[in-house]
Protein backbone atom coordinates (compact mmCIF):
# COMPACT_ATOMS: atom_id res chain seq x y z
CA UNK A 1 -18.17 62.77 -56.40
CA UNK A 2 -17.20 59.11 -56.03
CA UNK A 3 -14.18 59.58 -58.30
CA UNK A 4 -12.82 62.25 -55.97
CA UNK A 5 -11.95 59.50 -53.51
CA UNK A 6 -10.54 57.06 -56.06
CA UNK A 7 -6.89 56.05 -55.78
CA UNK A 8 -6.93 54.18 -59.09
CA UNK A 9 -3.50 54.15 -60.69
CA UNK A 10 -1.76 55.49 -57.58
CA UNK A 11 1.19 53.84 -55.85
CA UNK A 12 1.12 54.05 -52.06
CA UNK A 13 4.02 53.31 -49.70
CA UNK A 14 2.91 52.64 -46.13
CA UNK A 15 5.76 52.10 -43.68
CA UNK A 16 5.44 49.37 -41.08
CA UNK A 17 2.25 48.04 -42.65
CA UNK A 18 2.57 44.31 -41.97
CA UNK A 19 -0.22 44.59 -39.37
CA UNK A 20 -2.20 47.03 -37.26
CA UNK A 21 -3.03 50.57 -38.32
CA UNK A 22 -0.73 50.52 -41.34
CA UNK A 23 -2.26 47.28 -42.60
CA UNK A 24 -5.79 48.65 -42.27
CA UNK A 25 -4.87 51.83 -44.16
CA UNK A 26 -3.16 49.82 -46.90
CA UNK A 27 -6.23 47.59 -47.21
CA UNK A 28 -8.46 50.65 -47.63
CA UNK A 29 -6.11 52.09 -50.24
CA UNK A 30 -6.18 48.84 -52.20
CA UNK A 31 -9.99 48.87 -52.11
CA UNK A 32 -9.84 52.42 -53.50
CA UNK A 33 -7.66 51.21 -56.38
CA UNK A 34 -4.09 51.90 -55.25
CA UNK A 35 -1.08 49.64 -55.67
CA UNK A 36 0.26 48.81 -52.22
CA UNK A 37 3.92 48.92 -51.22
CA UNK A 38 5.03 48.46 -47.63
CA UNK A 39 8.14 47.80 -45.61
CA UNK A 40 9.00 46.32 -42.27
CA UNK A 41 12.18 45.80 -40.33
CA UNK A 42 12.34 41.98 -40.58
CA UNK A 43 11.78 39.55 -43.45
CA UNK A 44 9.51 37.50 -41.18
CA UNK A 45 7.18 40.48 -40.72
CA UNK A 46 7.20 41.28 -44.43
CA UNK A 47 6.35 37.66 -45.28
CA UNK A 48 3.48 37.63 -42.78
CA UNK A 49 2.22 40.90 -44.21
CA UNK A 50 2.37 39.65 -47.79
CA UNK A 51 0.46 36.51 -46.80
CA UNK A 52 -2.20 38.58 -45.01
CA UNK A 53 -2.64 40.82 -48.05
CA UNK A 54 -2.87 37.81 -50.37
CA UNK A 55 -5.66 36.36 -48.21
CA UNK A 56 -7.61 39.52 -49.03
CA UNK A 57 -6.79 39.29 -52.73
CA UNK A 58 -4.30 42.16 -52.55
CA UNK A 59 -1.01 41.75 -54.41
CA UNK A 60 1.18 43.98 -52.29
CA UNK A 61 4.90 44.62 -52.69
CA UNK A 62 6.93 44.16 -49.50
CA UNK A 63 10.46 45.30 -48.69
CA UNK A 64 12.74 44.80 -45.71
CA UNK A 65 14.14 48.11 -44.53
CA UNK A 66 14.82 49.99 -41.30
CA UNK A 67 13.07 53.37 -41.53
CA UNK A 68 15.85 55.01 -39.50
CA UNK A 69 18.54 53.96 -42.01
CA UNK A 70 18.77 56.87 -44.47
CA UNK A 71 20.97 55.07 -47.00
CA UNK A 72 18.76 51.99 -46.81
CA UNK A 73 15.60 54.05 -47.33
CA UNK A 74 17.10 55.84 -50.33
CA UNK A 75 17.99 52.47 -51.82
CA UNK A 76 14.54 51.03 -51.10
CA UNK A 77 12.74 53.99 -52.69
CA UNK A 78 14.93 53.70 -55.80
CA UNK A 79 14.14 49.99 -55.97
CA UNK A 80 10.41 50.67 -55.63
CA UNK A 81 10.57 53.24 -58.40
CA UNK A 82 12.36 50.74 -60.66
CA UNK A 83 10.15 47.74 -59.83
CA UNK A 84 6.73 49.30 -59.17
CA UNK A 85 6.78 52.98 -60.11
CA UNK A 86 6.99 56.44 -58.62
CA UNK A 87 5.36 56.73 -55.20
CA UNK A 88 2.27 58.97 -55.25
CA UNK A 89 1.25 58.50 -51.62
CA UNK A 90 3.47 58.06 -48.56
CA UNK A 91 2.08 57.12 -45.17
CA UNK A 92 4.65 57.44 -42.39
CA UNK A 93 3.08 54.85 -40.12
CA UNK A 94 5.99 52.96 -38.52
CA UNK A 95 6.38 53.87 -34.88
CA UNK A 96 6.96 52.69 -31.33
CA UNK A 97 5.97 53.75 -27.84
CA UNK A 98 7.80 53.24 -24.55
CA UNK A 99 5.59 53.63 -21.49
CA UNK A 100 8.18 54.46 -18.85
CA UNK A 101 8.16 57.13 -16.13
CA UNK A 102 10.53 59.90 -17.18
CA UNK A 103 12.88 59.47 -14.21
CA UNK A 104 13.22 55.77 -15.01
CA UNK A 105 13.76 56.17 -18.75
CA UNK A 106 17.26 55.77 -20.14
CA UNK A 107 18.40 58.44 -22.58
CA UNK A 108 19.11 55.68 -25.09
CA UNK A 109 15.46 54.59 -24.99
CA UNK A 110 14.31 58.20 -25.35
CA UNK A 111 16.53 58.61 -28.42
CA UNK A 112 15.18 55.40 -29.96
CA UNK A 113 11.60 56.66 -29.78
CA UNK A 114 12.61 60.01 -31.29
CA UNK A 115 14.57 58.21 -34.01
CA UNK A 116 11.71 55.96 -35.11
CA UNK A 117 8.74 58.26 -34.51
CA UNK A 118 10.24 61.56 -35.71
CA UNK A 119 13.53 61.15 -37.55
CA UNK A 120 12.24 58.29 -39.71
CA UNK A 121 9.30 60.25 -41.19
CA UNK A 122 11.80 62.98 -42.11
CA UNK A 123 14.11 60.40 -43.73
CA UNK A 124 11.38 58.64 -45.73
CA UNK A 125 9.69 61.88 -46.78
CA UNK A 126 13.02 63.26 -47.96
CA UNK A 127 13.55 60.14 -50.07
CA UNK A 128 10.19 60.27 -51.88
CA UNK A 129 9.87 64.04 -52.35
CA UNK A 130 12.19 64.51 -55.37
CA UNK A 131 10.14 62.17 -57.57
CA UNK A 132 6.87 63.63 -56.29
CA UNK A 133 8.12 67.11 -57.22
CA UNK A 134 9.19 65.90 -60.67
CA UNK A 135 5.80 64.22 -61.21
CA UNK A 136 3.92 67.33 -60.13
CA UNK A 137 1.90 65.90 -57.27
CA UNK A 138 2.16 63.89 -54.08
CA UNK A 139 0.51 63.09 -50.79
CA UNK A 140 2.37 62.58 -47.51
CA UNK A 141 0.35 61.45 -44.51
CA UNK A 142 2.00 61.25 -41.11
CA UNK A 143 0.48 59.13 -38.38
CA UNK A 144 0.55 61.63 -35.54
CA UNK A 145 -1.09 61.40 -32.12
CA UNK A 146 -3.27 63.12 -29.57
CA UNK A 147 -0.11 63.21 -27.48
CA UNK A 148 1.00 66.27 -29.46
CA UNK A 149 -1.88 68.04 -27.65
CA UNK A 150 -1.86 66.36 -24.23
CA UNK A 151 0.58 65.62 -21.46
CA UNK A 152 0.39 62.24 -19.77
CA UNK A 153 2.66 60.33 -17.44
CA UNK A 154 5.02 57.64 -18.83
CA UNK A 155 4.98 58.82 -22.48
CA UNK A 156 7.44 61.74 -22.47
CA UNK A 157 9.47 60.41 -25.41
CA UNK A 158 6.43 59.50 -27.48
CA UNK A 159 4.74 62.85 -26.84
CA UNK A 160 7.92 64.73 -27.71
CA UNK A 161 8.30 62.77 -30.95
CA UNK A 162 4.67 63.20 -31.98
CA UNK A 163 4.76 66.89 -31.13
CA UNK A 164 7.76 67.20 -33.42
CA UNK A 165 5.98 65.18 -36.12
CA UNK A 166 3.03 67.56 -35.97
CA UNK A 167 5.35 70.47 -36.75
CA UNK A 168 7.29 68.51 -39.38
CA UNK A 169 3.93 67.93 -41.09
CA UNK A 170 3.19 71.64 -41.15
CA UNK A 171 6.67 72.51 -42.40
CA UNK A 172 6.60 69.97 -45.26
CA UNK A 173 3.22 71.42 -46.25
CA UNK A 174 4.64 74.94 -46.19
CA UNK A 175 7.81 74.11 -48.09
CA UNK A 176 6.36 71.92 -50.84
CA UNK A 177 2.80 73.18 -51.27
CA UNK A 178 3.73 75.08 -54.44
CA UNK A 179 4.89 71.77 -55.92
CA UNK A 180 1.32 70.43 -55.51
CA UNK A 181 2.30 68.23 -52.60
CA UNK A 182 -0.01 67.99 -49.63
CA UNK A 183 1.30 66.84 -46.27
CA UNK A 184 -1.22 66.16 -43.54
CA UNK A 185 -1.43 64.08 -40.40
CA UNK A 186 -3.89 61.70 -38.81
CA UNK A 187 -4.02 61.88 -35.02
CA UNK A 188 -5.57 58.63 -33.79
CA UNK A 189 -7.30 58.57 -30.46
CA UNK A 190 -6.99 55.52 -28.27
CA UNK A 191 -7.11 52.67 -30.78
CA UNK A 192 -7.52 48.99 -29.95
CA UNK A 193 -4.26 47.50 -31.25
CA UNK A 194 -1.71 45.00 -29.91
CA UNK A 195 0.24 47.98 -28.51
CA UNK A 196 -2.69 49.06 -26.35
CA UNK A 197 -3.86 45.55 -25.42
CA UNK A 198 -2.30 45.69 -21.90
CA UNK A 199 -4.41 48.75 -21.15
CA UNK A 200 -7.59 46.87 -22.01
CA UNK A 201 -6.93 43.67 -20.07
CA UNK A 202 -9.43 42.63 -17.43
CA UNK A 203 -8.16 42.74 -13.87
CA UNK A 204 -7.93 39.68 -11.63
CA UNK A 205 -11.31 40.51 -10.13
CA UNK A 206 -12.89 40.79 -13.59
CA UNK A 207 -13.10 44.58 -13.56
CA UNK A 208 -11.86 46.83 -16.34
CA UNK A 209 -8.30 48.17 -16.28
CA UNK A 210 -8.40 51.65 -14.66
CA UNK A 211 -7.11 53.25 -17.86
CA UNK A 212 -9.72 51.39 -19.90
CA UNK A 213 -12.38 52.83 -17.59
CA UNK A 214 -10.88 56.31 -18.04
CA UNK A 215 -11.00 56.08 -21.85
CA UNK A 216 -14.58 54.82 -21.93
CA UNK A 217 -15.65 57.59 -19.54
CA UNK A 218 -13.83 60.45 -21.30
CA UNK A 219 -14.49 59.53 -24.94
CA UNK A 220 -17.88 60.85 -26.13
CA UNK A 221 -18.14 57.80 -28.40
CA UNK A 222 -17.77 55.69 -25.21
CA UNK A 223 -15.43 53.18 -26.79
CA UNK A 224 -11.90 52.61 -28.02
CA UNK A 225 -11.33 53.32 -31.68
CA UNK A 226 -10.67 50.55 -34.17
CA UNK A 227 -8.14 50.45 -36.96
CA UNK A 228 -11.10 50.51 -39.37
CA UNK A 229 -12.05 53.95 -38.01
CA UNK A 230 -8.85 55.34 -39.56
CA UNK A 231 -9.45 53.96 -43.06
CA UNK A 232 -11.87 56.63 -44.32
CA UNK A 233 -9.80 59.62 -43.14
CA UNK A 234 -6.68 58.03 -44.64
CA UNK A 235 -8.36 57.57 -48.03
CA UNK A 236 -9.64 61.15 -47.93
CA UNK A 237 -6.17 62.59 -47.27
CA UNK A 238 -4.65 60.44 -50.04
CA UNK A 239 -7.28 61.34 -52.63
CA UNK A 240 -8.06 64.33 -54.85
CA UNK A 241 -10.83 65.22 -52.40
CA UNK A 242 -8.16 66.72 -50.12
CA UNK A 243 -6.17 68.67 -52.73
CA UNK A 244 -6.71 71.96 -50.85
CA UNK A 245 -6.11 70.46 -47.42
CA UNK A 246 -2.50 70.98 -46.36
CA UNK A 247 -0.64 71.10 -43.06
CA UNK A 248 -3.65 69.82 -41.13
CA UNK A 249 -3.79 67.20 -38.36
CA UNK A 250 -7.07 65.29 -38.53
CA UNK A 251 -7.83 63.86 -35.10
CA UNK A 252 -9.77 60.61 -35.26
CA UNK A 253 -10.41 60.24 -31.57
CA UNK A 254 -14.12 59.77 -30.91
CA UNK A 255 -14.25 63.32 -29.56
CA UNK A 256 -11.93 62.82 -26.58
CA UNK A 257 -9.86 65.95 -27.27
CA UNK A 258 -13.03 68.03 -27.48
CA UNK A 259 -14.16 66.63 -24.14
CA UNK A 260 -11.05 66.71 -22.00
CA UNK A 261 -9.22 69.54 -23.76
CA UNK A 262 -5.73 69.84 -22.32
CA UNK A 263 -6.50 68.08 -19.05
CA UNK A 264 -4.22 65.11 -18.21
């Protein structure tokens, strides 16, 4: 049973994995035996990521590349295949969020969120799929979101992108399942990361942020998730244990969707 979850001999590309959720997933993959490859948009971020991996005894391979640049991604994937090997596991992790009321959001900002959170997973998946097909197996894991199931104020672009990513996940699974490629998603709940830090800041009077109070009250686990909470599900979806799981979004949310359903 233990070997079902082994990633020994596998090469995993995790986009935007210099820190945060991507870093935690990459760390878990390395512990399961995988060779880690990651990218980020700036050399400074890649260098910081490489240093952080080295501190953990992980010899990762880092590349500078913009996930929205199709030609650049094709070149990076070719370089990875030449220098490291064919990618067995892809985690489309890179993403952004813009918390802006819809009527105040510029169309340019809306497009940027769609470009990074939806178009980029399409671009990177398209680049790795030919070699996965030729090799006869592959795992693609998209970092999705509860926002494909809920409507909330200020996140119209993010919710639209993640809703699209949910359906892209299902369509990749449908189109390439016969090639022994599984494409699934992880839908994190509210995770304590630098992106969500402003929502967890104490108020001037020492009280919790109103949104922090809301999350604690509505999550059956009564806490924010941690990046470590995503490690086990990510290993499962990358391993042979999930070979008959395809087109599924695994929500790692402490039960909040079960509790609040489709309520805002």
